[in-house]
Amino acid sequence: MKELEDQTIPIVGVSARPLSSSLFTWHGNLRGPEGSHYEGGVFHFEIVFPKNYPVSPPKITPFTHIPHPNVIGNYICLDMLDVKEKKIYQGWTSAYTI
């Protein structure tokens, strides 16, 4: 949260905040970039951080339908959100930030 608040260059179209009831559950929005198929869209997500974050990845659930091949229902198919496998350079690493 501090990283988002301390940005010197504004992050346009991205917002995320924890719920008042839990620092481990956030809600965020992404605005579709201009000139893309998603322009004009605002996509709402829930981000749940596990107790051992950043060792384990957050669970991200889209609340807005996103017509994208890597979004299946409420599942985001992205290997960087998966628990790290034994293969190098695959899966979540604690070097990632939200």
C-alpha atoms as a PDB file:
ATOM      1  CA  MET A   1       0.000   0.000   0.000  1.00  0.00           C
ATOM      2  CA  LYS A   2       2.871   2.333   0.824  1.00  0.00           C
ATOM      3  CA  GLU A   3       4.417   1.678  -2.583  1.00  0.00           C
ATOM      4  CA  LEU A   4       1.188   2.782  -4.289  1.00  0.00           C
ATOM      5  CA  GLU A   5       0.850   5.855  -2.077  1.00  0.00           C
ATOM      6  CA  ASP A   6       4.472   6.955  -2.541  1.00  0.00           C
ATOM      7  CA  GLN A   7       4.520   6.849  -6.354  1.00  0.00           C
ATOM      8  CA  THR A   8       6.062  10.040  -7.746  1.00  0.00           C
ATOM      9  CA  ILE A   9       4.672   9.297 -11.211  1.00  0.00           C
ATOM     10  CA  PRO A  10       0.893   8.730 -11.104  1.00  0.00           C
ATOM     11  CA  ILE A  11      -0.263   5.237 -12.002  1.00  0.00           C
ATOM     12  CA  VAL A  12      -3.062   6.109 -14.421  1.00  0.00           C
ATOM     13  CA  GLY A  13      -6.038   3.761 -14.520  1.00  0.00           C
ATOM     14  CA  VAL A  14      -4.953   1.613 -11.581  1.00  0.00           C
ATOM     15  CA  SER A  15      -6.283   1.789  -8.035  1.00  0.00           C
ATOM     16  CA  ALA A  16      -6.287  -0.655  -5.138  1.00  0.00           C
ATOM     17  CA  ARG A  17      -7.021  -0.328  -1.415  1.00  0.00           C
ATOM     18  CA  PRO A  18      -7.491  -2.705   1.491  1.00  0.00           C
ATOM     19  CA  LEU A  19     -10.946  -3.133   2.972  1.00  0.00           C
ATOM     20  CA  SER A  20     -11.446  -1.350   6.280  1.00  0.00           C
ATOM     21  CA  SER A  21     -12.126  -4.737   7.890  1.00  0.00           C
ATOM     22  CA  SER A  22      -8.946  -6.496   6.671  1.00  0.00           C
ATOM     23  CA  LEU A  23      -5.512  -5.515   5.393  1.00  0.00           C
ATOM     24  CA  PHE A  24      -5.378  -8.922   3.680  1.00  0.00           C
ATOM     25  CA  THR A  25      -8.372  -8.252   1.378  1.00  0.00           C
ATOM     26  CA  TRP A  26      -8.154  -5.476  -1.175  1.00  0.00           C
ATOM     27  CA  HIS A  27     -10.428  -4.252  -3.936  1.00  0.00           C
ATOM     28  CA  GLY A  28      -8.966  -2.692  -7.044  1.00  0.00           C
ATOM     29  CA  ASN A  29      -9.874  -1.328 -10.440  1.00  0.00           C
ATOM     30  CA  LEU A  30      -8.072  -1.324 -13.772  1.00  0.00           C
ATOM     31  CA  ARG A  31      -9.158   1.022 -16.535  1.00  0.00           C
ATOM     32  CA  GLY A  32      -8.875  -0.307 -20.076  1.00  0.00           C
ATOM     33  CA  PRO A  33      -6.023   1.424 -21.927  1.00  0.00           C
ATOM     34  CA  GLU A  34      -6.831   3.937 -24.649  1.00  0.00           C
ATOM     35  CA  GLY A  35      -6.650   2.484 -28.123  1.00  0.00           C
ATOM     36  CA  SER A  36      -7.193  -1.096 -26.927  1.00  0.00           C
ATOM     37  CA  HIS A  37     -10.230  -3.381 -27.137  1.00  0.00           C
ATOM     38  CA  TYR A  38     -10.706  -2.649 -23.432  1.00  0.00           C
ATOM     39  CA  GLU A  39     -10.841   1.156 -23.783  1.00  0.00           C
ATOM     40  CA  GLY A  40     -13.702   2.595 -21.747  1.00  0.00           C
ATOM     41  CA  GLY A  41     -13.920  -0.473 -19.516  1.00  0.00           C
ATOM     42  CA  VAL A  42     -13.296  -0.478 -15.785  1.00  0.00           C
ATOM     43  CA  PHE A  43     -12.486  -3.908 -14.379  1.00  0.00           C
ATOM     44  CA  HIS A  44     -13.027  -4.581 -10.681  1.00  0.00           C
ATOM     45  CA  PHE A  45     -10.977  -7.182  -8.770  1.00  0.00           C
ATOM     46  CA  GLU A  46     -10.662  -8.619  -5.300  1.00  0.00           C
ATOM     47  CA  ILE A  47      -7.131  -9.364  -4.136  1.00  0.00           C
ATOM     48  CA  VAL A  48      -6.706 -11.664  -1.128  1.00  0.00           C
ATOM     49  CA  PHE A  49      -3.248 -11.907   0.378  1.00  0.00           C
ATOM     50  CA  PRO A  50      -2.346 -15.126   2.208  1.00  0.00           C
ATOM     51  CA  LYS A  51      -0.953 -14.832   5.729  1.00  0.00           C
ATOM     52  CA  ASN A  52       2.525 -15.765   4.433  1.00  0.00           C
ATOM     53  CA  TYR A  53       2.606 -13.136   1.637  1.00  0.00           C
ATOM     54  CA  PRO A  54       4.995 -12.466  -0.124  1.00  0.00           C
ATOM     55  CA  VAL A  55       6.147 -16.095   0.084  1.00  0.00           C
ATOM     56  CA  SER A  56       2.846 -17.189  -1.520  1.00  0.00           C
ATOM     57  CA  PRO A  57       0.954 -15.318  -4.258  1.00  0.00           C
ATOM     58  CA  PRO A  58      -2.235 -13.327  -3.731  1.00  0.00           C
ATOM     59  CA  LYS A  59      -5.504 -14.744  -5.068  1.00  0.00           C
ATOM     60  CA  ILE A  60      -7.046 -12.353  -7.566  1.00  0.00           C
ATOM     61  CA  THR A  61     -10.713 -12.695  -8.451  1.00  0.00           C
ATOM     62  CA  PRO A  62     -12.251 -10.565 -11.205  1.00  0.00           C
ATOM     63  CA  PHE A  63     -15.727  -9.214 -10.378  1.00  0.00           C
ATOM     64  CA  THR A  64     -16.215  -7.754 -13.864  1.00  0.00           C
ATOM     65  CA  HIS A  65     -16.535  -9.937 -16.955  1.00  0.00           C
ATOM     66  CA  ILE A  66     -13.338  -9.637 -18.975  1.00  0.00           C
ATOM     67  CA  PRO A  67     -13.436 -11.005 -22.523  1.00  0.00           C
ATOM     68  CA  HIS A  68      -9.848 -12.239 -22.553  1.00  0.00           C
ATOM     69  CA  PRO A  69      -8.411 -15.694 -23.344  1.00  0.00           C
ATOM     70  CA  ASN A  70      -6.499 -15.773 -20.039  1.00  0.00           C
ATOM     71  CA  VAL A  71      -9.602 -15.070 -17.939  1.00  0.00           C
ATOM     72  CA  ILE A  72     -11.896 -18.051 -17.516  1.00  0.00           C
ATOM     73  CA  GLY A  73     -14.914 -17.183 -15.352  1.00  0.00           C
ATOM     74  CA  ASN A  74     -13.376 -15.933 -12.116  1.00  0.00           C
ATOM     75  CA  TYR A  75      -9.978 -17.538 -12.738  1.00  0.00           C
ATOM     76  CA  ILE A  76      -6.990 -15.637 -14.122  1.00  0.00           C
ATOM     77  CA  CYS A  77      -4.678 -18.003 -15.989  1.00  0.00           C
ATOM     78  CA  LEU A  78      -1.309 -16.438 -15.271  1.00  0.00           C
ATOM     79  CA  ASP A  79       1.658 -18.504 -14.121  1.00  0.00           C
ATOM     80  CA  MET A  80       3.054 -15.688 -11.978  1.00  0.00           C
ATOM     81  CA  LEU A  81      -0.022 -16.093  -9.720  1.00  0.00           C
ATOM     82  CA  ASP A  82       0.627 -19.810  -9.229  1.00  0.00           C
ATOM     83  CA  VAL A  83       2.698 -21.323  -6.458  1.00  0.00           C
ATOM     84  CA  LYS A  84       6.268 -21.601  -7.690  1.00  0.00           C
ATOM     85  CA  GLU A  85       7.113 -24.913  -9.240  1.00  0.00           C
ATOM     86  CA  LYS A  86      10.521 -26.514  -9.106  1.00  0.00           C
ATOM     87  CA  LYS A  87      11.246 -25.142 -12.576  1.00  0.00           C
ATOM     88  CA  ILE A  88      13.333 -21.994 -12.622  1.00  0.00           C
ATOM     89  CA  TYR A  89      11.622 -18.752 -13.757  1.00  0.00           C
ATOM     90  CA  GLN A  90       8.098 -20.148 -13.393  1.00  0.00           C
ATOM     91  CA  GLY A  91       5.413 -19.336 -10.880  1.00  0.00           C
ATOM     92  CA  TRP A  92       5.260 -16.819  -8.071  1.00  0.00           C
ATOM     93  CA  THR A  93       8.360 -15.356  -6.468  1.00  0.00           C
ATOM     94  CA  SER A  94       8.555 -13.036  -3.478  1.00  0.00           C
ATOM     95  CA  ALA A  95      10.405 -10.568  -5.727  1.00  0.00           C
ATOM     96  CA  TYR A  96       7.004  -9.611  -7.246  1.00  0.00           C
ATOM     97  CA  THR A  97       4.902  -6.852  -5.703  1.00  0.00           C
ATOM     98  CA  ILE A  98       1.245  -6.094  -6.100  1.00  0.00           C
END
